[in-house]
């Protein structure tokens, strides 16, 4: 049962994008352990701004 819940949590986090910050932090730490990593809030804000600025990600009627 615990394994099934862990898998479900994994898929929910991946689908919702919540795991993106964890992957970013792991990548940043692996490449430069002394680098300053933004907070989750700053990371999500930058991610949202980038998504909204990309015309391919915006609203399309067709």
C-alpha atoms as a PDB file:
ATOM      1  CA  UNK A   1       0.000   0.000   0.000  1.00  0.00           C
ATOM      2  CA  UNK A   2       2.809   2.427   0.901  1.00  0.00           C
ATOM      3  CA  UNK A   3       4.511   1.795  -2.444  1.00  0.00           C
ATOM      4  CA  UNK A   4       1.298   2.510  -4.344  1.00  0.00           C
ATOM      5  CA  UNK A   5       0.845   5.792  -2.467  1.00  0.00           C
ATOM      6  CA  UNK A   6       4.450   6.775  -3.169  1.00  0.00           C
ATOM      7  CA  UNK A   7       3.941   6.136  -6.872  1.00  0.00           C
ATOM      8  CA  UNK A   8       0.684   8.084  -6.899  1.00  0.00           C
ATOM      9  CA  UNK A   9       2.398  11.003  -5.136  1.00  0.00           C
ATOM     10  CA  UNK A  10       5.244  10.886  -7.655  1.00  0.00           C
ATOM     11  CA  UNK A  11       2.869  11.062 -10.627  1.00  0.00           C
ATOM     12  CA  UNK A  12       0.758  13.826  -9.101  1.00  0.00           C
ATOM     13  CA  UNK A  13       3.868  15.924  -8.373  1.00  0.00           C
ATOM     14  CA  UNK A  14       5.204  15.372 -11.902  1.00  0.00           C
ATOM     15  CA  UNK A  15       1.861  16.121 -13.541  1.00  0.00           C
ATOM     16  CA  UNK A  16       1.252  19.258 -11.497  1.00  0.00           C
ATOM     17  CA  UNK A  17       4.795  20.563 -12.015  1.00  0.00           C
ATOM     18  CA  UNK A  18       5.570  20.651  -8.311  1.00  0.00           C
ATOM     19  CA  UNK A  19       8.681  18.507  -8.815  1.00  0.00           C
ATOM     20  CA  UNK A  20      10.182  21.030 -11.260  1.00  0.00           C
ATOM     21  CA  UNK A  21      11.663  23.108  -8.441  1.00  0.00           C
ATOM     22  CA  UNK A  22      13.225  20.060  -6.801  1.00  0.00           C
ATOM     23  CA  UNK A  23      14.818  19.057 -10.114  1.00  0.00           C
ATOM     24  CA  UNK A  24      16.058  22.619 -10.634  1.00  0.00           C
ATOM     25  CA  UNK A  25      17.665  22.763  -7.186  1.00  0.00           C
ATOM     26  CA  UNK A  26      19.331  19.369  -7.667  1.00  0.00           C
ATOM     27  CA  UNK A  27      20.667  20.461 -11.061  1.00  0.00           C
ATOM     28  CA  UNK A  28      21.939  23.803  -9.738  1.00  0.00           C
ATOM     29  CA  UNK A  29      23.642  22.173  -6.750  1.00  0.00           C
ATOM     30  CA  UNK A  30      25.244  19.498  -8.936  1.00  0.00           C
ATOM     31  CA  UNK A  31      26.749  22.052 -11.312  1.00  0.00           C
ATOM     32  CA  UNK A  32      27.707  24.731  -8.788  1.00  0.00           C
ATOM     33  CA  UNK A  33      27.295  23.884  -5.100  1.00  0.00           C
ATOM     34  CA  UNK A  34      27.984  27.491  -4.069  1.00  0.00           C
ATOM     35  CA  UNK A  35      25.417  29.035  -6.405  1.00  0.00           C
ATOM     36  CA  UNK A  36      22.550  30.932  -4.841  1.00  0.00           C
ATOM     37  CA  UNK A  37      19.310  29.111  -5.587  1.00  0.00           C
ATOM     38  CA  UNK A  38      16.117  31.187  -5.721  1.00  0.00           C
ATOM     39  CA  UNK A  39      13.282  30.422  -3.359  1.00  0.00           C
ATOM     40  CA  UNK A  40      10.420  28.261  -4.579  1.00  0.00           C
ATOM     41  CA  UNK A  41       8.245  31.366  -4.814  1.00  0.00           C
ATOM     42  CA  UNK A  42      10.782  33.238  -6.970  1.00  0.00           C
ATOM     43  CA  UNK A  43      11.291  30.150  -9.124  1.00  0.00           C
ATOM     44  CA  UNK A  44       7.548  29.728  -9.708  1.00  0.00           C
ATOM     45  CA  UNK A  45       7.150  33.450 -10.460  1.00  0.00           C
ATOM     46  CA  UNK A  46       9.935  33.326 -13.072  1.00  0.00           C
ATOM     47  CA  UNK A  47       8.467  30.132 -14.522  1.00  0.00           C
ATOM     48  CA  UNK A  48       5.012  31.699 -14.796  1.00  0.00           C
ATOM     49  CA  UNK A  49       6.402  34.894 -16.332  1.00  0.00           C
ATOM     50  CA  UNK A  50       8.340  32.886 -18.919  1.00  0.00           C
ATOM     51  CA  UNK A  51       5.278  30.809 -19.755  1.00  0.00           C
ATOM     52  CA  UNK A  52       3.091  33.896 -20.174  1.00  0.00           C
ATOM     53  CA  UNK A  53       5.696  35.643 -22.334  1.00  0.00           C
ATOM     54  CA  UNK A  54       5.922  32.703 -24.740  1.00  0.00           C
ATOM     55  CA  UNK A  55       3.334  33.148 -27.516  1.00  0.00           C
ATOM     56  CA  UNK A  56       3.233  29.396 -28.090  1.00  0.00           C
ATOM     57  CA  UNK A  57       2.015  28.834 -24.530  1.00  0.00           C
ATOM     58  CA  UNK A  58      -0.728  31.422 -24.622  1.00  0.00           C
ATOM     59  CA  UNK A  59      -4.338  31.155 -25.614  1.00  0.00           C
ATOM     60  CA  UNK A  60      -5.069  29.833 -29.081  1.00  0.00           C
ATOM     61  CA  UNK A  61      -8.372  29.578 -30.764  1.00  0.00           C
ATOM     62  CA  UNK A  62      -7.233  27.070 -33.387  1.00  0.00           C
END
